[in-house]
Amino acid sequence: NHFFGRTICPPFYPEKPLPFDPMAESPLLVRQPSPSPESETSLDGDGMFTEPEDYFRPPVQLPEQTVVRRDGSKLVVSLYSEHPLWGHMLWNAAKVLIRLLDGSDLCRDRRVLELGAGSGAVSIVAALSGARQVVVTDYPDFDILKTICANVRRANPGRCCPDCWAIYSGPSPAEGSWPAVAEHDHSVCEQPLIHVAGFLWGRDVAPLLHCTGGQLFDCLILSDLIFNHVSHRDLLRSCSQTLDPSGVAYVAFSHHRVHKVAEDLNFFLLAEQEFGFAVTKVGSAVMPQPMFEKDVGDVVVRSTVHVYLLTWQKAGRAVIPALTLDTQTTGPGPE
């Protein structure tokens, strides 16, 4: 077992390694590019923007990535096409959290909430690793949430909330005409389900707690969110309103802008000083390449994923999980 003492924003380098080798055990990620779109309009003649009445627009083929889990099974997730909110990317931080949670007991029998989920891959792995209930959230953009819901249903069809699927399986509705979450009491469902919801950080969390029958969450997942400095307080406010007194928030991130390291880490100072969280640094892992290869700054700094925990300074402060990954009993590694 590995035990990591409590530190508040320690020196950046050299880093304490994570309790596993991210390169030896990291998921296999196979990029499958989407086909080149064909032109749908002709620029000569009249009515160049008019489509025949019987014209059927073929569905967009989204790019996919395949994650090979620790037991050798494969998880395929679709990534929404280019999007200004970066929902079309599987981030390095998500890859590290997937490896950390996959097959472990960190989420087993617990209620899990992910904020800013992107593809939803980390939440899906949490569900497949025994989470009691999972609520996957991202910015309330219908197409992003539809992609997440499709990923959830493909990976775990028996636990995808039918109301959520009914909302997000159809065509994109008019803006503002669809609910953030399905309006029914999810806590009385026949089996624990995975829910997909649009959520703006800092807003009313009642719709999220509606999914659990009013129960707070045991685990929060924040995968590469703190680069958005202006939203630190909103993000922490949502964490403080949803985390159970004995709960743990897993925060993974990279310093994408090396000149903004202090601004990134200010998230943890606010967490401790304004919101009553205890901050524990778990360790760091250097990935093969940074998320944005053309950005300036030290490549190693931008390729490194840091993992921190947030727990409550009061009742839940001492409940910090021992982060262990038993590489001898979790099955074959990546292909």
Protein backbone atom coordinates (compact mmCIF):
# COMPACT_ATOMS: atom_id res chain seq x y z
CA ASN A 1 0.00 0.00 0.00
CA HIS A 2 1.03 3.55 -0.64
CA PHE A 3 0.33 6.38 1.72
CA PHE A 4 0.68 9.99 0.72
CA GLY A 5 0.92 12.65 3.40
CA ARG A 6 -0.97 15.91 3.25
CA THR A 7 0.75 18.74 1.45
CA ILE A 8 -0.58 22.08 0.33
CA CYS A 9 0.71 23.19 -3.08
CA PRO A 10 4.21 21.66 -2.71
CA PRO A 11 7.20 22.60 -4.89
CA PHE A 12 6.52 21.80 -8.50
CA TYR A 13 9.64 19.77 -9.33
CA PRO A 14 11.03 17.22 -8.81
CA GLU A 15 7.67 15.47 -8.61
CA LYS A 16 6.61 12.56 -6.45
CA PRO A 17 5.73 9.67 -8.84
CA LEU A 18 2.25 8.21 -8.96
CA PRO A 19 1.81 4.79 -7.34
CA PHE A 20 1.90 3.15 -10.77
CA ASP A 21 3.85 3.44 -14.01
CA PRO A 22 1.59 5.38 -16.42
CA MET A 23 3.60 4.31 -19.44
CA ALA A 24 3.75 0.61 -18.60
CA GLU A 25 0.08 0.42 -17.74
CA SER A 26 -1.55 3.31 -19.58
CA PRO A 27 -4.60 2.52 -21.73
CA LEU A 28 -4.00 1.87 -25.41
CA LEU A 29 -5.49 4.75 -27.31
CA VAL A 30 -6.14 4.15 -30.98
CA ARG A 31 -7.16 7.22 -32.91
CA GLN A 32 -9.67 6.50 -35.65
CA PRO A 33 -10.07 9.62 -37.78
CA SER A 34 -13.48 10.47 -39.09
CA PRO A 35 -13.99 10.31 -42.86
CA SER A 36 -13.55 13.46 -44.87
CA PRO A 37 -16.94 15.13 -45.31
CA GLU A 38 -18.22 15.46 -48.83
CA SER A 39 -19.48 18.72 -50.21
CA GLU A 40 -23.23 19.06 -49.72
CA THR A 41 -23.79 22.08 -51.93
CA SER A 42 -23.01 23.17 -55.45
CA LEU A 43 -21.88 26.70 -56.11
CA ASP A 44 -23.23 26.89 -59.65
CA GLY A 45 -26.79 27.42 -60.77
CA ASP A 46 -29.93 28.52 -58.93
CA GLY A 47 -31.11 27.11 -55.64
CA MET A 48 -27.65 26.00 -54.54
CA PHE A 49 -28.78 25.84 -50.89
CA THR A 50 -32.04 23.97 -51.64
CA GLU A 51 -32.22 20.28 -50.76
CA PRO A 52 -34.74 17.89 -52.34
CA GLU A 53 -37.72 17.01 -50.14
CA ASP A 54 -36.65 13.37 -49.95
CA TYR A 55 -33.02 14.21 -49.18
CA PHE A 56 -31.64 12.28 -46.21
CA ARG A 57 -28.59 13.71 -44.48
CA PRO A 58 -26.35 10.82 -43.40
CA PRO A 59 -25.37 10.80 -39.74
CA VAL A 60 -22.03 12.33 -38.87
CA GLN A 61 -19.35 9.73 -38.14
CA LEU A 62 -17.64 10.88 -34.95
CA PRO A 63 -13.98 10.10 -34.31
CA GLU A 64 -13.40 7.37 -31.77
CA GLN A 65 -10.75 6.27 -29.32
CA THR A 66 -10.36 2.79 -27.89
CA VAL A 67 -9.21 2.36 -24.31
CA VAL A 68 -7.83 -1.04 -23.35
CA ARG A 69 -8.75 -1.56 -19.71
CA ARG A 70 -6.62 -3.31 -17.11
CA ASP A 71 -8.52 -6.58 -17.54
CA GLY A 72 -7.90 -6.55 -21.29
CA SER A 73 -11.43 -5.50 -22.28
CA LYS A 74 -11.89 -2.58 -24.65
CA LEU A 75 -13.87 0.60 -24.09
CA VAL A 76 -14.70 2.56 -27.25
CA VAL A 77 -15.78 6.18 -26.85
CA SER A 78 -16.87 8.65 -29.48
CA LEU A 79 -15.46 12.15 -29.33
CA TYR A 80 -17.59 15.02 -30.50
CA SER A 81 -16.19 16.78 -33.56
CA GLU A 82 -14.15 19.97 -33.14
CA HIS A 83 -15.74 22.04 -30.39
CA PRO A 84 -14.72 25.33 -28.73
CA LEU A 85 -15.24 23.76 -25.30
CA TRP A 86 -12.68 21.03 -26.04
CA GLY A 87 -15.31 18.33 -25.58
CA HIS A 88 -13.87 16.54 -28.61
CA MET A 89 -10.65 15.51 -26.85
CA LEU A 90 -9.67 12.69 -24.50
CA TRP A 91 -7.33 14.56 -22.19
CA ASN A 92 -4.12 13.25 -20.63
CA ALA A 93 -5.65 13.84 -17.20
CA ALA A 94 -8.58 11.60 -18.11
CA LYS A 95 -6.19 8.84 -19.20
CA VAL A 96 -4.41 8.97 -15.84
CA LEU A 97 -7.69 8.96 -13.88
CA ILE A 98 -8.95 6.04 -15.95
CA ARG A 99 -5.86 4.09 -15.01
CA LEU A 100 -6.16 5.11 -11.37
CA LEU A 101 -9.84 4.16 -10.97
CA ASP A 102 -10.09 1.19 -13.32
CA GLY A 103 -10.68 -2.00 -11.39
CA SER A 104 -9.94 -0.37 -8.03
CA ASP A 105 -12.20 0.04 -5.01
CA LEU A 106 -12.00 3.84 -5.04
CA CYS A 107 -15.50 4.21 -6.52
CA ARG A 108 -17.01 0.85 -5.61
CA ASP A 109 -20.47 1.17 -4.02
CA ARG A 110 -20.14 4.96 -4.08
CA ARG A 111 -22.11 7.78 -5.67
CA VAL A 112 -19.96 9.49 -8.29
CA LEU A 113 -20.33 12.91 -9.91
CA GLU A 114 -18.09 14.07 -12.75
CA LEU A 115 -17.93 17.74 -13.67
CA GLY A 116 -16.81 18.68 -17.18
CA ALA A 117 -16.82 15.08 -18.36
CA GLY A 118 -16.02 15.54 -22.07
CA SER A 119 -16.44 12.06 -23.56
CA GLY A 120 -17.57 10.62 -20.22
CA ALA A 121 -14.83 7.96 -20.35
CA VAL A 122 -13.71 8.40 -16.72
CA SER A 123 -17.29 8.16 -15.44
CA ILE A 124 -17.91 5.07 -17.55
CA VAL A 125 -14.84 3.37 -16.07
CA ALA A 126 -16.03 4.35 -12.58
CA ALA A 127 -19.39 2.71 -13.31
CA LEU A 128 -17.75 -0.41 -14.73
CA SER A 129 -15.57 -0.54 -11.59
CA GLY A 130 -18.57 -0.87 -9.31
CA ALA A 131 -19.84 2.65 -8.59
CA ARG A 132 -23.31 2.58 -7.07
CA GLN A 133 -24.57 5.56 -9.05
CA VAL A 134 -22.91 7.92 -11.54
CA VAL A 135 -23.99 11.36 -12.74
CA VAL A 136 -22.01 12.55 -15.76
CA THR A 137 -22.16 16.29 -16.46
CA ASP A 138 -20.79 18.78 -18.90
CA TYR A 139 -21.68 22.18 -20.29
CA PRO A 140 -25.36 22.11 -21.38
CA ASP A 141 -24.58 21.70 -25.07
CA PHE A 142 -26.98 19.15 -26.51
CA ASP A 143 -24.55 17.57 -28.96
CA ILE A 144 -21.84 17.06 -26.33
CA LEU A 145 -24.35 15.50 -23.92
CA LYS A 146 -25.77 13.34 -26.68
CA THR A 147 -22.28 11.99 -27.40
CA ILE A 148 -21.71 11.27 -23.69
CA CYS A 149 -25.05 9.48 -23.42
CA ALA A 150 -24.30 7.36 -26.48
CA ASN A 151 -20.93 6.40 -24.98
CA VAL A 152 -22.60 5.43 -21.70
CA ARG A 153 -25.25 3.34 -23.43
CA ARG A 154 -22.71 1.55 -25.63
CA ALA A 155 -20.42 0.70 -22.70
CA ASN A 156 -23.09 -0.18 -20.14
CA PRO A 157 -26.53 -0.37 -21.80
CA GLY A 158 -28.27 -1.93 -18.83
CA ARG A 159 -27.48 1.02 -16.56
CA CYS A 160 -28.01 3.99 -18.87
CA CYS A 161 -30.96 5.96 -17.50
CA PRO A 162 -33.85 5.44 -19.96
CA ASP A 163 -35.14 8.98 -19.43
CA CYS A 164 -31.73 10.45 -20.21
CA TRP A 165 -31.49 8.26 -23.29
CA ALA A 166 -34.95 9.34 -24.42
CA ILE A 167 -33.81 12.96 -24.25
CA TYR A 168 -30.42 12.65 -25.90
CA SER A 169 -31.04 9.94 -28.49
CA GLY A 170 -33.19 12.18 -30.65
CA PRO A 171 -32.36 15.09 -32.94
CA SER A 172 -31.05 18.35 -31.52
CA PRO A 173 -34.04 20.37 -30.26
CA ALA A 174 -34.40 24.12 -30.33
CA GLU A 175 -32.06 25.89 -27.96
CA GLY A 176 -33.42 26.06 -24.43
CA SER A 177 -36.28 23.63 -25.09
CA TRP A 178 -34.79 20.55 -23.46
CA PRO A 179 -34.38 19.83 -19.73
CA ALA A 180 -31.00 19.66 -18.01
CA VAL A 181 -31.91 16.31 -16.43
CA ALA A 182 -34.80 13.95 -16.80
CA GLU A 183 -37.51 15.01 -14.37
CA HIS A 184 -38.25 11.94 -12.34
CA ASP A 185 -37.08 10.49 -9.05
CA HIS A 186 -34.00 8.54 -10.12
CA SER A 187 -33.53 7.20 -6.61
CA VAL A 188 -36.48 4.81 -7.01
CA CYS A 189 -35.21 3.24 -10.22
CA GLU A 190 -35.11 -0.57 -10.22
CA GLN A 191 -31.32 -0.55 -10.41
CA PRO A 192 -28.59 2.04 -9.92
CA LEU A 193 -28.28 4.01 -13.13
CA ILE A 194 -25.89 6.30 -14.96
CA HIS A 195 -27.35 9.73 -15.65
CA VAL A 196 -26.22 12.41 -18.09
CA ALA A 197 -26.93 16.06 -17.31
CA GLY A 198 -26.06 19.51 -18.50
CA PHE A 199 -24.67 21.64 -15.69
CA LEU A 200 -23.07 25.07 -15.32
CA TRP A 201 -20.57 25.28 -12.46
CA GLY A 202 -21.77 27.46 -9.62
CA ARG A 203 -25.45 27.05 -10.45
CA ASP A 204 -28.16 25.29 -8.44
CA VAL A 205 -27.09 21.69 -7.71
CA ALA A 206 -30.61 20.52 -6.84
CA PRO A 207 -31.12 18.85 -10.25
CA LEU A 208 -27.94 16.82 -9.72
CA LEU A 209 -28.96 15.73 -6.23
CA HIS A 210 -32.37 14.87 -7.67
CA CYS A 211 -30.60 12.00 -9.44
CA THR A 212 -29.59 10.50 -6.08
CA GLY A 213 -32.78 11.20 -4.18
CA GLY A 214 -31.09 14.10 -2.37
CA GLN A 215 -27.97 12.19 -1.32
CA LEU A 216 -24.57 13.89 -1.61
CA PHE A 217 -21.80 12.32 -3.68
CA ASP A 218 -19.00 10.17 -2.26
CA CYS A 219 -16.64 10.82 -5.17
CA LEU A 220 -16.19 13.83 -7.42
CA ILE A 221 -14.13 13.69 -10.61
CA LEU A 222 -12.50 16.83 -12.02
CA SER A 223 -10.42 15.99 -15.07
CA ASP A 224 -8.35 18.90 -16.43
CA LEU A 225 -10.71 21.71 -15.49
CA ILE A 226 -8.62 24.13 -13.46
CA PHE A 227 -6.92 25.81 -16.42
CA ASN A 228 -10.14 27.85 -16.56
CA HIS A 229 -9.01 30.30 -13.88
CA VAL A 230 -12.05 32.59 -13.89
CA SER A 231 -14.26 29.63 -12.99
CA HIS A 232 -12.29 28.40 -9.96
CA ARG A 233 -14.77 29.70 -7.40
CA ASP A 234 -17.80 28.48 -9.34
CA LEU A 235 -16.22 25.04 -9.67
CA LEU A 236 -15.33 24.89 -5.98
CA ARG A 237 -18.79 26.10 -5.02
CA SER A 238 -20.31 23.19 -6.90
CA CYS A 239 -17.87 20.80 -5.24
CA SER A 240 -18.71 22.14 -1.79
CA GLN A 241 -22.44 21.73 -2.41
CA THR A 242 -22.26 18.16 -3.70
CA LEU A 243 -19.45 16.39 -1.80
CA ASP A 244 -20.43 14.22 1.15
CA PRO A 245 -18.70 14.97 4.51
CA SER A 246 -16.65 11.79 4.10
CA GLY A 247 -16.24 12.15 0.33
CA VAL A 248 -13.18 12.64 -1.88
CA ALA A 249 -12.72 14.77 -4.99
CA TYR A 250 -10.12 13.54 -7.50
CA VAL A 251 -8.55 16.49 -9.33
CA ALA A 252 -6.20 15.75 -12.23
CA PHE A 253 -4.69 18.45 -14.44
CA SER A 254 -1.72 19.63 -16.46
CA HIS A 255 -0.05 23.03 -16.67
CA HIS A 256 -0.89 23.73 -20.31
CA ARG A 257 0.49 27.27 -20.07
CA VAL A 258 3.78 27.18 -18.23
CA HIS A 259 3.59 30.90 -17.42
CA LYS A 260 0.27 30.30 -15.63
CA VAL A 261 1.38 27.66 -13.11
CA ALA A 262 0.65 29.92 -10.12
CA GLU A 263 -2.81 30.71 -11.48
CA ASP A 264 -3.53 26.99 -11.92
CA LEU A 265 -2.47 26.19 -8.36
CA ASN A 266 -4.50 29.05 -6.95
CA PHE A 267 -7.44 26.66 -7.26
CA PHE A 268 -6.07 24.69 -4.30
CA LEU A 269 -5.37 27.80 -2.22
CA LEU A 270 -8.99 28.86 -2.70
CA ALA A 271 -10.15 25.33 -1.89
CA GLU A 272 -8.39 25.45 1.46
CA GLN A 273 -8.81 29.09 2.46
CA GLU A 274 -12.34 29.87 1.22
CA PHE A 275 -14.16 26.54 0.95
CA GLY A 276 -12.84 24.47 3.86
CA PHE A 277 -11.19 21.68 1.89
CA ALA A 278 -8.02 19.85 2.82
CA VAL A 279 -5.66 19.47 -0.14
CA THR A 280 -3.48 16.40 -0.64
CA LYS A 281 -1.10 15.93 -3.51
CA VAL A 282 -0.95 12.33 -4.68
CA GLY A 283 1.74 12.53 -7.35
CA SER A 284 2.47 13.18 -11.01
CA ALA A 285 2.85 11.23 -14.25
CA VAL A 286 4.65 12.33 -17.41
CA MET A 287 2.67 11.46 -20.53
CA PRO A 288 4.20 10.85 -23.99
CA GLN A 289 3.19 14.28 -25.30
CA PRO A 290 1.32 17.41 -24.21
CA MET A 291 -2.29 18.05 -25.18
CA PHE A 292 -1.37 20.99 -27.40
CA GLU A 293 1.94 20.23 -29.11
CA LYS A 294 2.25 23.63 -30.82
CA ASP A 295 1.95 25.61 -27.59
CA VAL A 296 5.05 27.26 -26.18
CA GLY A 297 6.80 26.26 -22.98
CA ASP A 298 8.67 23.28 -21.58
CA VAL A 299 7.27 20.09 -23.12
CA VAL A 300 7.79 18.01 -19.97
CA VAL A 301 5.90 20.53 -17.85
CA ARG A 302 3.00 20.53 -20.32
CA SER A 303 3.02 16.73 -20.62
CA THR A 304 2.88 16.10 -16.86
CA VAL A 305 -0.41 15.20 -15.19
CA HIS A 306 -0.75 16.03 -11.49
CA VAL A 307 -3.27 14.33 -9.21
CA TYR A 308 -4.62 15.99 -6.05
CA LEU A 309 -7.35 15.06 -3.59
CA LEU A 310 -9.86 17.35 -1.94
CA THR A 311 -11.44 16.22 1.33
CA TRP A 312 -13.26 18.18 4.01
CA GLN A 313 -11.15 19.70 6.77
CA LYS A 314 -13.83 18.69 9.30
CA ALA A 315 -15.38 15.24 9.55
CA GLY A 316 -14.05 13.86 6.29
CA ARG A 317 -10.53 15.20 6.46
CA ALA A 318 -8.90 11.99 7.70
CA VAL A 319 -10.70 9.75 5.21
CA ILE A 320 -8.09 9.70 2.46
CA PRO A 321 -7.98 6.51 0.40
CA ALA A 322 -4.81 4.50 0.04
CA LEU A 323 -4.19 4.70 -3.70
CA THR A 324 -2.93 1.30 -4.79
CA LEU A 325 -2.90 -0.45 -8.13
CA ASP A 326 -2.02 -4.14 -7.95
CA THR A 327 -0.43 -4.81 -11.33
CA GLN A 328 -0.10 -8.53 -10.52
CA THR A 329 -3.80 -9.29 -10.25
CA THR A 330 -5.57 -6.96 -12.66
CA GLY A 331 -5.08 -9.01 -15.81
CA PRO A 332 -3.03 -8.40 -18.94
CA GLY A 333 -1.72 -4.98 -19.78
CA PRO A 334 -2.32 -2.97 -22.96
CA GLU A 335 -2.01 -4.72 -26.26
